[in-house]
Amino acid sequence: MKLALLAAALLACTMLAACGKKGPPDPPGPANEITWPRVYPTH
């Protein structure tokens, strides 16, 4: 029972760690309407 709970928790953590956007962050909005591009932190 405890082993199954530990395995489920490990699986959940792995799935949550895998989600997220790949690549550098982009400013919000359409590219032609960005008037003040900023450098966004990567961490």
Protein backbone atom coordinates (compact mmCIF):
# COMPACT_ATOMS: atom_id res chain seq x y z
CA MET A 1 0.00 0.00 0.00
CA LYS A 2 2.72 2.46 0.96
CA LEU A 3 4.79 1.49 -2.06
CA ALA A 4 1.86 2.18 -4.40
CA LEU A 5 1.30 5.58 -2.77
CA LEU A 6 4.99 6.42 -3.13
CA ALA A 7 4.96 5.34 -6.78
CA ALA A 8 1.86 7.45 -7.48
CA ALA A 9 3.45 10.49 -5.82
CA LEU A 10 6.65 10.01 -7.81
CA LEU A 11 4.68 9.70 -11.04
CA ALA A 12 2.69 12.85 -10.26
CA CYS A 13 5.86 14.82 -9.52
CA THR A 14 7.47 13.62 -12.74
CA MET A 15 4.44 14.62 -14.81
CA LEU A 16 4.28 18.07 -13.21
CA ALA A 17 7.99 18.65 -13.73
CA ALA A 18 7.68 17.80 -17.42
CA CYS A 19 5.06 20.44 -18.23
CA GLY A 20 6.07 23.96 -19.18
CA LYS A 21 6.99 26.05 -22.17
CA LYS A 22 10.15 25.27 -24.03
CA GLY A 23 12.45 28.00 -25.28
CA PRO A 24 13.02 31.60 -24.22
CA PRO A 25 10.12 33.67 -22.85
CA ASP A 26 8.36 36.06 -25.22
CA PRO A 27 6.60 39.35 -24.43
CA PRO A 28 2.80 39.01 -24.47
CA GLY A 29 0.70 40.17 -27.40
CA PRO A 30 1.05 40.18 -31.16
CA ALA A 31 4.57 40.79 -32.46
CA ASN A 32 3.54 43.89 -34.46
CA GLU A 33 2.01 45.59 -31.36
CA ILE A 34 4.95 45.21 -28.97
CA THR A 35 6.20 48.75 -28.50
CA TRP A 36 8.44 48.22 -25.49
CA PRO A 37 10.21 44.87 -25.74
CA ARG A 38 11.82 43.92 -22.45
CA VAL A 39 14.32 41.28 -21.47
CA TYR A 40 12.51 38.69 -19.39
CA PRO A 41 14.40 36.58 -16.84
CA THR A 42 14.91 32.97 -17.81
CA HIS A 43 14.72 31.54 -14.31
